[in-house]
Amino acid sequence: ISQFWAGMDSFLWLIGEAVFHMLPVGICWSVTKKMGTTQMLGIVLGLTLVSGQLLNAYSVASTPAAEIPKWDFGFIQVNMIGYQAQVIPAILAAFTLVYLEKFFRKICPAVVSMIVVP
């Protein structure tokens, strides 16, 4: 393979991989946009689902169970695993965000709404 095509393959792989790794960002954004709530919160939620602090979803199978990082809340432990290229968890998280935002906007007075509801 020539150096040009090897470079082209590497470049196109970057674009293709980025689309699937960051899929939850686009999904959360589009759900919040469609439901008429704050789109920036959807983007932040999507970025949180694919955060670099979480274990990459593609690395879970090759990581021993004892080495998967966990949040320890004392009464429960939660695995720190990201949601790269996951559609259903992103949709469920976005719908939860939408309904929580609408709930808090409805019950909060306008004076404190800017603090409680971003």
PDB file of N, CA and C in Angstrom:
ATOM      1  N   ILE A   1       0.862  -1.179   0.000  1.00  0.00           N
ATOM      2  CA  ILE A   1       0.000   0.000   0.000  1.00  0.00           C
ATOM      3  C   ILE A   1       0.904   1.236   0.000  1.00  0.00           C
ATOM      4  N   SER A   2       0.535   2.204  -0.793  1.00  0.00           N
ATOM      5  CA  SER A   2       1.367   3.399  -0.875  1.00  0.00           C
ATOM      6  C   SER A   2       1.193   4.252   0.381  1.00  0.00           C
ATOM      7  N   GLN A   3       2.142   5.124   0.588  1.00  0.00           N
ATOM      8  CA  GLN A   3       2.103   5.975   1.770  1.00  0.00           C
ATOM      9  C   GLN A   3       0.885   6.903   1.736  1.00  0.00           C
ATOM     10  N   PHE A   4       0.510   7.370   0.529  1.00  0.00           N
ATOM     11  CA  PHE A   4      -0.653   8.236   0.400  1.00  0.00           C
ATOM     12  C   PHE A   4      -1.915   7.532   0.886  1.00  0.00           C
ATOM     13  N   TRP A   5      -2.146   6.291   0.418  1.00  0.00           N
ATOM     14  CA  TRP A   5      -3.368   5.578   0.792  1.00  0.00           C
ATOM     15  C   TRP A   5      -3.340   5.156   2.253  1.00  0.00           C
ATOM     16  N   ALA A   6      -2.149   4.864   2.784  1.00  0.00           N
ATOM     17  CA  ALA A   6      -2.052   4.552   4.216  1.00  0.00           C
ATOM     18  C   ALA A   6      -2.431   5.772   5.050  1.00  0.00           C
ATOM     19  N   GLY A   7      -1.968   6.952   4.638  1.00  0.00           N
ATOM     20  CA  GLY A   7      -2.337   8.185   5.341  1.00  0.00           C
ATOM     21  C   GLY A   7      -3.812   8.495   5.193  1.00  0.00           C
ATOM     22  N   MET A   8      -4.350   8.263   3.987  1.00  0.00           N
ATOM     23  CA  MET A   8      -5.777   8.491   3.749  1.00  0.00           C
ATOM     24  C   MET A   8      -6.620   7.550   4.609  1.00  0.00           C
ATOM     25  N   ASP A   9      -6.213   6.296   4.710  1.00  0.00           N
ATOM     26  CA  ASP A   9      -6.920   5.323   5.543  1.00  0.00           C
ATOM     27  C   ASP A   9      -6.907   5.745   7.007  1.00  0.00           C
ATOM     28  N   SER A  10      -5.755   6.180   7.475  1.00  0.00           N
ATOM     29  CA  SER A  10      -5.630   6.622   8.865  1.00  0.00           C
ATOM     30  C   SER A  10      -6.509   7.838   9.139  1.00  0.00           C
ATOM     31  N   PHE A  11      -6.534   8.785   8.207  1.00  0.00           N
ATOM     32  CA  PHE A  11      -7.341   9.997   8.374  1.00  0.00           C
ATOM     33  C   PHE A  11      -8.833   9.671   8.383  1.00  0.00           C
ATOM     34  N   LEU A  12      -9.278   8.857   7.431  1.00  0.00           N
ATOM     35  CA  LEU A  12     -10.698   8.504   7.369  1.00  0.00           C
ATOM     36  C   LEU A  12     -11.131   7.645   8.552  1.00  0.00           C
ATOM     37  N   TRP A  13     -10.215   6.819   9.065  1.00  0.00           N
ATOM     38  CA  TRP A  13     -10.525   6.017  10.245  1.00  0.00           C
ATOM     39  C   TRP A  13     -10.760   6.923  11.448  1.00  0.00           C
ATOM     40  N   LEU A  14     -10.022   8.004  11.562  1.00  0.00           N
ATOM     41  CA  LEU A  14     -10.212   8.962  12.651  1.00  0.00           C
ATOM     42  C   LEU A  14     -11.624   9.541  12.622  1.00  0.00           C
ATOM     43  N   ILE A  15     -12.084   9.943  11.439  1.00  0.00           N
ATOM     44  CA  ILE A  15     -13.422  10.517  11.313  1.00  0.00           C
ATOM     45  C   ILE A  15     -14.488   9.470  11.636  1.00  0.00           C
ATOM     46  N   GLY A  16     -14.349   8.287  11.078  1.00  0.00           N
ATOM     47  CA  GLY A  16     -15.330   7.232  11.324  1.00  0.00           C
ATOM     48  C   GLY A  16     -15.383   6.798  12.772  1.00  0.00           C
ATOM     49  N   GLU A  17     -14.240   6.710  13.401  1.00  0.00           N
ATOM     50  CA  GLU A  17     -14.186   6.311  14.800  1.00  0.00           C
ATOM     51  C   GLU A  17     -14.768   7.386  15.703  1.00  0.00           C
ATOM     52  N   ALA A  18     -14.513   8.646  15.395  1.00  0.00           N
ATOM     53  CA  ALA A  18     -15.027   9.743  16.210  1.00  0.00           C
ATOM     54  C   ALA A  18     -16.553   9.784  16.192  1.00  0.00           C
ATOM     55  N   VAL A  19     -17.138   9.485  15.029  1.00  0.00           N
ATOM     56  CA  VAL A  19     -18.595   9.490  14.921  1.00  0.00           C
ATOM     57  C   VAL A  19     -19.198   8.479  15.888  1.00  0.00           C
ATOM     58  N   PHE A  20     -18.662   7.279  15.927  1.00  0.00           N
ATOM     59  CA  PHE A  20     -19.250   6.247  16.776  1.00  0.00           C
ATOM     60  C   PHE A  20     -18.888   6.413  18.243  1.00  0.00           C
ATOM     61  N   HIS A  21     -17.686   6.886  18.540  1.00  0.00           N
ATOM     62  CA  HIS A  21     -17.313   7.097  19.937  1.00  0.00           C
ATOM     63  C   HIS A  21     -18.155   8.196  20.572  1.00  0.00           C
ATOM     64  N   MET A  22     -18.461   9.228  19.817  1.00  0.00           N
ATOM     65  CA  MET A  22     -19.195  10.375  20.355  1.00  0.00           C
ATOM     66  C   MET A  22     -20.687  10.341  20.021  1.00  0.00           C
ATOM     67  N   LEU A  23     -21.196   9.202  19.619  1.00  0.00           N
ATOM     68  CA  LEU A  23     -22.603   9.064  19.262  1.00  0.00           C
ATOM     69  C   LEU A  23     -23.563   9.521  20.368  1.00  0.00           C
ATOM     70  N   PRO A  24     -23.311   9.222  21.660  1.00  0.00           N
ATOM     71  CA  PRO A  24     -24.233   9.689  22.702  1.00  0.00           C
ATOM     72  C   PRO A  24     -24.377  11.214  22.765  1.00  0.00           C
ATOM     73  N   VAL A  25     -23.355  11.945  22.370  1.00  0.00           N
ATOM     74  CA  VAL A  25     -23.446  13.408  22.382  1.00  0.00           C
ATOM     75  C   VAL A  25     -24.519  13.869  21.398  1.00  0.00           C
ATOM     76  N   GLY A  26     -24.472  13.355  20.188  1.00  0.00           N
ATOM     77  CA  GLY A  26     -25.459  13.725  19.186  1.00  0.00           C
ATOM     78  C   GLY A  26     -26.858  13.262  19.547  1.00  0.00           C
ATOM     79  N   ILE A  27     -26.963  12.081  20.132  1.00  0.00           N
ATOM     80  CA  ILE A  27     -28.272  11.566  20.517  1.00  0.00           C
ATOM     81  C   ILE A  27     -28.884  12.412  21.621  1.00  0.00           C
ATOM     82  N   CYS A  28     -28.115  12.707  22.668  1.00  0.00           N
ATOM     83  CA  CYS A  28     -28.640  13.526  23.771  1.00  0.00           C
ATOM     84  C   CYS A  28     -29.009  14.922  23.278  1.00  0.00           C
ATOM     85  N   TRP A  29     -28.198  15.491  22.421  1.00  0.00           N
ATOM     86  CA  TRP A  29     -28.507  16.812  21.873  1.00  0.00           C
ATOM     87  C   TRP A  29     -29.805  16.779  21.085  1.00  0.00           C
ATOM     88  N   SER A  30     -29.966  15.785  20.218  1.00  0.00           N
ATOM     89  CA  SER A  30     -31.166  15.758  19.372  1.00  0.00           C
ATOM     90  C   SER A  30     -32.430  15.483  20.182  1.00  0.00           C
ATOM     91  N   VAL A  31     -32.344  14.681  21.241  1.00  0.00           N
ATOM     92  CA  VAL A  31     -33.522  14.446  22.090  1.00  0.00           C
ATOM     93  C   VAL A  31     -33.922  15.727  22.803  1.00  0.00           C
ATOM     94  N   THR A  32     -32.960  16.446  23.368  1.00  0.00           N
ATOM     95  CA  THR A  32     -33.304  17.691  24.068  1.00  0.00           C
ATOM     96  C   THR A  32     -33.817  18.746  23.094  1.00  0.00           C
ATOM     97  N   LYS A  33     -33.289  18.779  21.883  1.00  0.00           N
ATOM     98  CA  LYS A  33     -33.774  19.727  20.880  1.00  0.00           C
ATOM     99  C   LYS A  33     -35.209  19.399  20.482  1.00  0.00           C
ATOM    100  N   LYS A  34     -35.485  18.129  20.234  1.00  0.00           N
ATOM    101  CA  LYS A  34     -36.812  17.696  19.813  1.00  0.00           C
ATOM    102  C   LYS A  34     -37.855  17.916  20.914  1.00  0.00           C
ATOM    103  N   MET A  35     -37.450  17.752  22.170  1.00  0.00           N
ATOM    104  CA  MET A  35     -38.380  17.892  23.290  1.00  0.00           C
ATOM    105  C   MET A  35     -38.500  19.337  23.776  1.00  0.00           C
ATOM    106  N   GLY A  36     -37.712  20.241  23.212  1.00  0.00           N
ATOM    107  CA  GLY A  36     -37.834  21.661  23.533  1.00  0.00           C
ATOM    108  C   GLY A  36     -37.212  22.084  24.845  1.00  0.00           C
ATOM    109  N   THR A  37     -36.180  21.393  25.282  1.00  0.00           N
ATOM    110  CA  THR A  37     -35.482  21.792  26.509  1.00  0.00           C
ATOM    111  C   THR A  37     -34.086  22.304  26.152  1.00  0.00           C
ATOM    112  N   THR A  38     -33.283  22.571  27.159  1.00  0.00           N
ATOM    113  CA  THR A  38     -31.976  23.181  26.969  1.00  0.00           C
ATOM    114  C   THR A  38     -31.025  22.223  26.250  1.00  0.00           C
ATOM    115  N   GLN A  39     -30.628  22.602  25.049  1.00  0.00           N
ATOM    116  CA  GLN A  39     -29.780  21.738  24.226  1.00  0.00           C
ATOM    117  C   GLN A  39     -28.373  21.603  24.804  1.00  0.00           C
ATOM    118  N   MET A  40     -27.893  22.646  25.441  1.00  0.00           N
ATOM    119  CA  MET A  40     -26.545  22.586  26.019  1.00  0.00           C
ATOM    120  C   MET A  40     -26.470  21.532  27.119  1.00  0.00           C
ATOM    121  N   LEU A  41     -27.540  21.377  27.882  1.00  0.00           N
ATOM    122  CA  LEU A  41     -27.549  20.327  28.901  1.00  0.00           C
ATOM    123  C   LEU A  41     -27.484  18.943  28.255  1.00  0.00           C
ATOM    124  N   GLY A  42     -28.125  18.781  27.104  1.00  0.00           N
ATOM    125  CA  GLY A  42     -28.043  17.519  26.378  1.00  0.00           C
ATOM    126  C   GLY A  42     -26.630  17.230  25.913  1.00  0.00           C
ATOM    127  N   ILE A  43     -25.947  18.251  25.427  1.00  0.00           N
ATOM    128  CA  ILE A  43     -24.556  18.074  24.996  1.00  0.00           C
ATOM    129  C   ILE A  43     -23.671  17.707  26.177  1.00  0.00           C
ATOM    130  N   VAL A  44     -23.862  18.383  27.309  1.00  0.00           N
ATOM    131  CA  VAL A  44     -23.060  18.089  28.502  1.00  0.00           C
ATOM    132  C   VAL A  44     -23.330  16.666  28.987  1.00  0.00           C
ATOM    133  N   LEU A  45     -24.590  16.251  28.966  1.00  0.00           N
ATOM    134  CA  LEU A  45     -24.921  14.884  29.362  1.00  0.00           C
ATOM    135  C   LEU A  45     -24.249  13.872  28.433  1.00  0.00           C
ATOM    136  N   GLY A  46     -24.312  14.108  27.131  1.00  0.00           N
ATOM    137  CA  GLY A  46     -23.661  13.206  26.181  1.00  0.00           C
ATOM    138  C   GLY A  46     -22.160  13.140  26.385  1.00  0.00           C
ATOM    139  N   LEU A  47     -21.543  14.279  26.634  1.00  0.00           N
ATOM    140  CA  LEU A  47     -20.099  14.292  26.888  1.00  0.00           C
ATOM    141  C   LEU A  47     -19.759  13.580  28.190  1.00  0.00           C
ATOM    142  N   THR A  48     -20.641  13.658  29.164  1.00  0.00           N
ATOM    143  CA  THR A  48     -20.427  12.961  30.427  1.00  0.00           C
ATOM    144  C   THR A  48     -20.459  11.453  30.216  1.00  0.00           C
ATOM    145  N   LEU A  49     -21.344  10.989  29.349  1.00  0.00           N
ATOM    146  CA  LEU A  49     -21.446   9.551  29.089  1.00  0.00           C
ATOM    147  C   LEU A  49     -20.195   8.986  28.417  1.00  0.00           C
ATOM    148  N   VAL A  50     -19.455   9.817  27.690  1.00  0.00           N
ATOM    149  CA  VAL A  50     -18.240   9.338  27.004  1.00  0.00           C
ATOM    150  C   VAL A  50     -16.969   9.955  27.594  1.00  0.00           C
ATOM    151  N   SER A  51     -17.046  10.411  28.815  1.00  0.00           N
ATOM    152  CA  SER A  51     -15.923  11.083  29.469  1.00  0.00           C
ATOM    153  C   SER A  51     -14.668  10.204  29.491  1.00  0.00           C
ATOM    154  N   GLY A  52     -13.534  10.847  29.397  1.00  0.00           N
ATOM    155  CA  GLY A  52     -12.256  10.136  29.453  1.00  0.00           C
ATOM    156  C   GLY A  52     -11.942   9.561  30.817  1.00  0.00           C
ATOM    157  N   GLN A  53     -12.635   9.996  31.853  1.00  0.00           N
ATOM    158  CA  GLN A  53     -12.420   9.453  33.195  1.00  0.00           C
ATOM    159  C   GLN A  53     -13.022   8.061  33.353  1.00  0.00           C
ATOM    160  N   LEU A  54     -13.960   7.722  32.472  1.00  0.00           N
ATOM    161  CA  LEU A  54     -14.606   6.416  32.527  1.00  0.00           C
ATOM    162  C   LEU A  54     -13.836   5.417  31.676  1.00  0.00           C
ATOM    163  N   LEU A  55     -13.917   4.148  32.049  1.00  0.00           N
ATOM    164  CA  LEU A  55     -13.284   3.098  31.261  1.00  0.00           C
ATOM    165  C   LEU A  55     -13.985   3.006  29.912  1.00  0.00           C
ATOM    166  N   ASN A  56     -13.202   3.010  28.852  1.00  0.00           N
ATOM    167  CA  ASN A  56     -13.757   2.940  27.502  1.00  0.00           C
ATOM    168  C   ASN A  56     -14.584   1.664  27.352  1.00  0.00           C
ATOM    169  N   ALA A  57     -15.769   1.792  26.774  1.00  0.00           N
ATOM    170  CA  ALA A  57     -16.663   0.644  26.621  1.00  0.00           C
ATOM    171  C   ALA A  57     -16.028  -0.463  25.799  1.00  0.00           C
ATOM    172  N   TYR A  58     -15.143  -0.108  24.874  1.00  0.00           N
ATOM    173  CA  TYR A  58     -14.485  -1.110  24.038  1.00  0.00           C
ATOM    174  C   TYR A  58     -13.391  -1.866  24.802  1.00  0.00           C
ATOM    175  N   SER A  59     -12.963  -1.356  25.945  1.00  0.00           N
ATOM    176  CA  SER A  59     -11.898  -1.992  26.722  1.00  0.00           C
ATOM    177  C   SER A  59     -12.419  -2.887  27.835  1.00  0.00           C
ATOM    178  N   VAL A  60     -13.711  -2.926  28.038  1.00  0.00           N
ATOM    179  CA  VAL A  60     -14.274  -3.684  29.160  1.00  0.00           C
ATOM    180  C   VAL A  60     -13.993  -5.173  29.025  1.00  0.00           C
ATOM    181  N   ALA A  61     -14.131  -5.725  27.829  1.00  0.00           N
ATOM    182  CA  ALA A  61     -13.951  -7.163  27.630  1.00  0.00           C
ATOM    183  C   ALA A  61     -12.514  -7.607  27.902  1.00  0.00           C
ATOM    184  N   SER A  62     -11.541  -6.739  27.635  1.00  0.00           N
ATOM    185  CA  SER A  62     -10.144  -7.122  27.826  1.00  0.00           C
ATOM    186  C   SER A  62      -9.594  -6.712  29.191  1.00  0.00           C
ATOM    187  N   THR A  63     -10.415  -6.076  30.018  1.00  0.00           N
ATOM    188  CA  THR A  63      -9.979  -5.647  31.348  1.00  0.00           C
ATOM    189  C   THR A  63     -10.454  -6.657  32.381  1.00  0.00           C
ATOM    190  N   PRO A  64      -9.547  -7.152  33.237  1.00  0.00           N
ATOM    191  CA  PRO A  64      -9.985  -8.063  34.304  1.00  0.00           C
ATOM    192  C   PRO A  64     -10.994  -7.372  35.226  1.00  0.00           C
ATOM    193  N   ALA A  65     -11.936  -8.141  35.740  1.00  0.00           N
ATOM    194  CA  ALA A  65     -13.012  -7.577  36.562  1.00  0.00           C
ATOM    195  C   ALA A  65     -12.474  -6.832  37.786  1.00  0.00           C
ATOM    196  N   ALA A  66     -11.369  -7.304  38.339  1.00  0.00           N
ATOM    197  CA  ALA A  66     -10.806  -6.655  39.526  1.00  0.00           C
ATOM    198  C   ALA A  66     -10.194  -5.290  39.205  1.00  0.00           C
ATOM    199  N   GLU A  67      -9.847  -5.039  37.933  1.00  0.00           N
ATOM    200  CA  GLU A  67      -9.207  -3.781  37.555  1.00  0.00           C
ATOM    201  C   GLU A  67     -10.172  -2.737  37.008  1.00  0.00           C
ATOM    202  N   ILE A  68     -11.454  -3.056  36.911  1.00  0.00           N
ATOM    203  CA  ILE A  68     -12.435  -2.065  36.462  1.00  0.00           C
ATOM    204  C   ILE A  68     -12.634  -1.059  37.592  1.00  0.00           C
ATOM    205  N   PRO A  69     -12.418   0.236  37.304  1.00  0.00           N
ATOM    206  CA  PRO A  69     -12.563   1.232  38.378  1.00  0.00           C
ATOM    207  C   PRO A  69     -14.013   1.329  38.839  1.00  0.00           C
ATOM    208  N   LYS A  70     -14.177   1.686  40.120  1.00  0.00           N
ATOM    209  CA  LYS A  70     -15.514   1.756  40.704  1.00  0.00           C
ATOM    210  C   LYS A  70     -15.667   3.018  41.542  1.00  0.00           C
ATOM    211  N   TRP A  71     -16.889   3.512  41.587  1.00  0.00           N
ATOM    212  CA  TRP A  71     -17.247   4.525  42.574  1.00  0.00           C
ATOM    213  C   TRP A  71     -17.782   3.769  43.777  1.00  0.00           C
ATOM    214  N   ASP A  72     -17.257   4.085  44.955  1.00  0.00           N
ATOM    215  CA  ASP A  72     -17.697   3.405  46.171  1.00  0.00           C
ATOM    216  C   ASP A  72     -18.476   4.406  47.029  1.00  0.00           C
ATOM    217  N   PHE A  73     -19.780   4.185  47.137  1.00  0.00           N
ATOM    218  CA  PHE A  73     -20.637   5.060  47.923  1.00  0.00           C
ATOM    219  C   PHE A  73     -20.892   4.509  49.314  1.00  0.00           C
ATOM    220  N   GLY A  74     -20.166   3.486  49.711  1.00  0.00           N
ATOM    221  CA  GLY A  74     -20.341   2.890  51.026  1.00  0.00           C
ATOM    222  C   GLY A  74     -21.341   1.755  51.007  1.00  0.00           C
ATOM    223  N   PHE A  75     -22.537   2.006  50.529  1.00  0.00           N
ATOM    224  CA  PHE A  75     -23.565   0.970  50.495  1.00  0.00           C
ATOM    225  C   PHE A  75     -23.699   0.322  49.120  1.00  0.00           C
ATOM    226  N   ILE A  76     -23.090   0.923  48.106  1.00  0.00           N
ATOM    227  CA  ILE A  76     -23.154   0.380  46.749  1.00  0.00           C
ATOM    228  C   ILE A  76     -21.900   0.783  45.981  1.00  0.00           C
ATOM    229  N   GLN A  77     -21.474  -0.104  45.090  1.00  0.00           N
ATOM    230  CA  GLN A  77     -20.355   0.200  44.206  1.00  0.00           C
ATOM    231  C   GLN A  77     -20.868   0.214  42.767  1.00  0.00           C
ATOM    232  N   VAL A  78     -20.447   1.236  42.004  1.00  0.00           N
ATOM    233  CA  VAL A  78     -20.880   1.391  40.625  1.00  0.00           C
ATOM    234  C   VAL A  78     -19.646   1.374  39.726  1.00  0.00           C
ATOM    235  N   ASN A  79     -19.666   0.518  38.715  1.00  0.00           N
ATOM    236  CA  ASN A  79     -18.543   0.459  37.777  1.00  0.00           C
ATOM    237  C   ASN A  79     -18.455   1.752  36.976  1.00  0.00           C
ATOM    238  N   MET A  80     -17.240   2.231  36.772  1.00  0.00           N
ATOM    239  CA  MET A  80     -16.995   3.448  35.999  1.00  0.00           C
ATOM    240  C   MET A  80     -16.727   3.063  34.546  1.00  0.00           C
ATOM    241  N   ILE A  81     -17.786   2.799  33.804  1.00  0.00           N
ATOM    242  CA  ILE A  81     -17.668   2.375  32.408  1.00  0.00           C
ATOM    243  C   ILE A  81     -18.388   3.386  31.533  1.00  0.00           C
ATOM    244  N   GLY A  82     -17.734   3.809  30.457  1.00  0.00           N
ATOM    245  CA  GLY A  82     -18.314   4.780  29.542  1.00  0.00           C
ATOM    246  C   GLY A  82     -19.347   4.147  28.619  1.00  0.00           C
ATOM    247  N   TYR A  83     -20.038   4.994  27.893  1.00  0.00           N
ATOM    248  CA  TYR A  83     -21.101   4.549  26.995  1.00  0.00           C
ATOM    249  C   TYR A  83     -20.784   4.926  25.546  1.00  0.00           C
ATOM    250  N   GLN A  84     -19.554   4.725  25.115  1.00  0.00           N
ATOM    251  CA  GLN A  84     -19.178   5.019  23.742  1.00  0.00           C
ATOM    252  C   GLN A  84     -20.012   4.159  22.794  1.00  0.00           C
ATOM    253  N   ALA A  85     -20.585   4.798  21.759  1.00  0.00           N
ATOM    254  CA  ALA A  85     -21.366   4.137  20.712  1.00  0.00           C
ATOM    255  C   ALA A  85     -22.606   3.419  21.245  1.00  0.00           C
ATOM    256  N   GLN A  86     -23.130   3.833  22.388  1.00  0.00           N
ATOM    257  CA  GLN A  86     -24.326   3.226  22.957  1.00  0.00           C
ATOM    258  C   GLN A  86     -25.532   4.111  22.676  1.00  0.00           C
ATOM    259  N   VAL A  87     -26.557   3.562  22.076  1.00  0.00           N
ATOM    260  CA  VAL A  87     -27.723   4.344  21.675  1.00  0.00           C
ATOM    261  C   VAL A  87     -28.797   4.353  22.763  1.00  0.00           C
ATOM    262  N   ILE A  88     -29.207   3.188  23.226  1.00  0.00           N
ATOM    263  CA  ILE A  88     -30.325   3.094  24.173  1.00  0.00           C
ATOM    264  C   ILE A  88     -30.016   3.791  25.500  1.00  0.00           C
ATOM    265  N   PRO A  89     -28.833   3.587  26.120  1.00  0.00           N
ATOM    266  CA  PRO A  89     -28.564   4.331  27.357  1.00  0.00           C
ATOM    267  C   PRO A  89     -28.559   5.850  27.150  1.00  0.00           C
ATOM    268  N   ALA A  90     -28.078   6.301  25.998  1.00  0.00           N
ATOM    269  CA  ALA A  90     -28.067   7.746  25.722  1.00  0.00           C
ATOM    270  C   ALA A  90     -29.489   8.284  25.593  1.00  0.00           C
ATOM    271  N   ILE A  91     -30.355   7.540  24.918  1.00  0.00           N
ATOM    272  CA  ILE A  91     -31.749   7.973  24.777  1.00  0.00           C
ATOM    273  C   ILE A  91     -32.435   8.007  26.140  1.00  0.00           C
ATOM    274  N   LEU A  92     -32.241   6.968  26.943  1.00  0.00           N
ATOM    275  CA  LEU A  92     -32.868   6.922  28.264  1.00  0.00           C
ATOM    276  C   LEU A  92     -32.352   8.041  29.164  1.00  0.00           C
ATOM    277  N   ALA A  93     -31.057   8.300  29.130  1.00  0.00           N
ATOM    278  CA  ALA A  93     -30.493   9.379  29.936  1.00  0.00           C
ATOM    279  C   ALA A  93     -31.030  10.732  29.483  1.00  0.00           C
ATOM    280  N   ALA A  94     -31.151  10.927  28.175  1.00  0.00           N
ATOM    281  CA  ALA A  94     -31.658  12.202  27.657  1.00  0.00           C
ATOM    282  C   ALA A  94     -33.118  12.411  28.021  1.00  0.00           C
ATOM    283  N   PHE A  95     -33.950  11.369  27.925  1.00  0.00           N
ATOM    284  CA  PHE A  95     -35.347  11.507  28.327  1.00  0.00           C
ATOM    285  C   PHE A  95     -35.471  11.789  29.821  1.00  0.00           C
ATOM    286  N   THR A  96     -34.611  11.165  30.629  1.00  0.00           N
ATOM    287  CA  THR A  96     -34.599  11.462  32.059  1.00  0.00           C
ATOM    288  C   THR A  96     -34.247  12.921  32.291  1.00  0.00           C
ATOM    289  N   LEU A  97     -33.245  13.418  31.578  1.00  0.00           N
ATOM    290  CA  LEU A  97     -32.857  14.828  31.680  1.00  0.00           C
ATOM    291  C   LEU A  97     -34.011  15.742  31.291  1.00  0.00           C
ATOM    292  N   VAL A  98     -34.691  15.437  30.193  1.00  0.00           N
ATOM    293  CA  VAL A  98     -35.798  16.273  29.713  1.00  0.00           C
ATOM    294  C   VAL A  98     -36.909  16.354  30.759  1.00  0.00           C
ATOM    295  N   TYR A  99     -37.299  15.213  31.293  1.00  0.00           N
ATOM    296  CA  TYR A  99     -38.403  15.221  32.253  1.00  0.00           C
ATOM    297  C   TYR A  99     -37.998  15.863  33.574  1.00  0.00           C
ATOM    298  N   LEU A 100     -36.752  15.675  34.008  1.00  0.00           N
ATOM    299  CA  LEU A 100     -36.292  16.361  35.225  1.00  0.00           C
ATOM    300  C   LEU A 100     -36.254  17.869  35.027  1.00  0.00           C
ATOM    301  N   GLU A 101     -35.773  18.314  33.874  1.00  0.00           N
ATOM    302  CA  GLU A 101     -35.713  19.754  33.617  1.00  0.00           C
ATOM    303  C   GLU A 101     -37.120  20.352  33.570  1.00  0.00           C
ATOM    304  N   LYS A 102     -38.033  19.693  32.888  1.00  0.00           N
ATOM    305  CA  LYS A 102     -39.409  20.204  32.818  1.00  0.00           C
ATOM    306  C   LYS A 102     -40.063  20.219  34.198  1.00  0.00           C
ATOM    307  N   PHE A 103     -39.803  19.190  35.006  1.00  0.00           N
ATOM    308  CA  PHE A 103     -40.353  19.130  36.363  1.00  0.00           C
ATOM    309  C   PHE A 103     -39.839  20.284  37.214  1.00  0.00           C
ATOM    310  N   PHE A 104     -38.508  20.498  37.191  1.00  0.00           N
ATOM    311  CA  PHE A 104     -37.941  21.561  38.015  1.00  0.00           C
ATOM    312  C   PHE A 104     -38.336  22.946  37.513  1.00  0.00           C
ATOM    313  N   ARG A 105     -38.499  23.114  36.226  1.00  0.00           N
ATOM    314  CA  ARG A 105     -38.967  24.411  35.697  1.00  0.00           C
ATOM    315  C   ARG A 105     -40.397  24.699  36.144  1.00  0.00           C
ATOM    316  N   LYS A 106     -41.197  23.648  36.277  1.00  0.00           N
ATOM    317  CA  LYS A 106     -42.592  23.820  36.668  1.00  0.00           C
ATOM    318  C   LYS A 106     -42.730  24.158  38.160  1.00  0.00           C
ATOM    319  N   ILE A 107     -41.935  23.523  39.026  1.00  0.00           N
ATOM    320  CA  ILE A 107     -42.127  23.705  40.468  1.00  0.00           C
ATOM    321  C   ILE A 107     -41.282  24.824  41.067  1.00  0.00           C
ATOM    322  N   CYS A 108     -40.249  25.278  40.374  1.00  0.00           N
ATOM    323  CA  CYS A 108     -39.362  26.307  40.925  1.00  0.00           C
ATOM    324  C   CYS A 108     -39.905  27.696  40.613  1.00  0.00           C
ATOM    325  N   PRO A 109     -39.898  28.574  41.602  1.00  0.00           N
ATOM    326  CA  PRO A 109     -40.266  29.956  41.328  1.00  0.00           C
ATOM    327  C   PRO A 109     -39.251  30.608  40.390  1.00  0.00           C
ATOM    328  N   ALA A 110     -39.672  31.614  39.672  1.00  0.00           N
ATOM    329  CA  ALA A 110     -38.805  32.285  38.699  1.00  0.00           C
ATOM    330  C   ALA A 110     -37.566  32.912  39.355  1.00  0.00           C
ATOM    331  N   VAL A 111     -37.688  33.275  40.625  1.00  0.00           N
ATOM    332  CA  VAL A 111     -36.569  33.913  41.323  1.00  0.00           C
ATOM    333  C   VAL A 111     -35.378  32.957  41.463  1.00  0.00           C
ATOM    334  N   VAL A 112     -35.638  31.694  41.772  1.00  0.00           N
ATOM    335  CA  VAL A 112     -34.547  30.736  41.978  1.00  0.00           C
ATOM    336  C   VAL A 112     -34.380  29.784  40.796  1.00  0.00           C
ATOM    337  N   SER A 113     -35.192  29.940  39.767  1.00  0.00           N
ATOM    338  CA  SER A 113     -35.131  29.033  38.624  1.00  0.00           C
ATOM    339  C   SER A 113     -33.775  29.078  37.939  1.00  0.00           C
ATOM    340  N   MET A 114     -33.154  30.255  37.885  1.00  0.00           N
ATOM    341  CA  MET A 114     -31.851  30.370  37.224  1.00  0.00           C
ATOM    342  C   MET A 114     -30.757  29.613  37.976  1.00  0.00           C
ATOM    343  N   ILE A 115     -30.926  29.458  39.280  1.00  0.00           N
ATOM    344  CA  ILE A 115     -29.927  28.746  40.091  1.00  0.00           C
ATOM    345  C   ILE A 115     -30.184  27.252  40.077  1.00  0.00           C
ATOM    346  N   VAL A 116     -31.447  26.851  40.234  1.00  0.00           N
ATOM    347  CA  VAL A 116     -31.809  25.443  40.348  1.00  0.00           C
ATOM    348  C   VAL A 116     -31.834  24.773  38.976  1.00  0.00           C
ATOM    349  N   VAL A 117     -32.400  25.435  37.991  1.00  0.00           N
ATOM    350  CA  VAL A 117     -32.528  24.873  36.638  1.00  0.00           C
ATOM    351  C   VAL A 117     -31.594  25.649  35.723  1.00  0.00           C
ATOM    352  N   PRO A 118     -30.519  25.038  35.228  1.00  0.00           N
ATOM    353  CA  PRO A 118     -29.587  25.783  34.380  1.00  0.00           C
ATOM    354  C   PRO A 118     -30.218  26.267  33.098  1.00  0.00           C
TER     355      PRO A 118
END
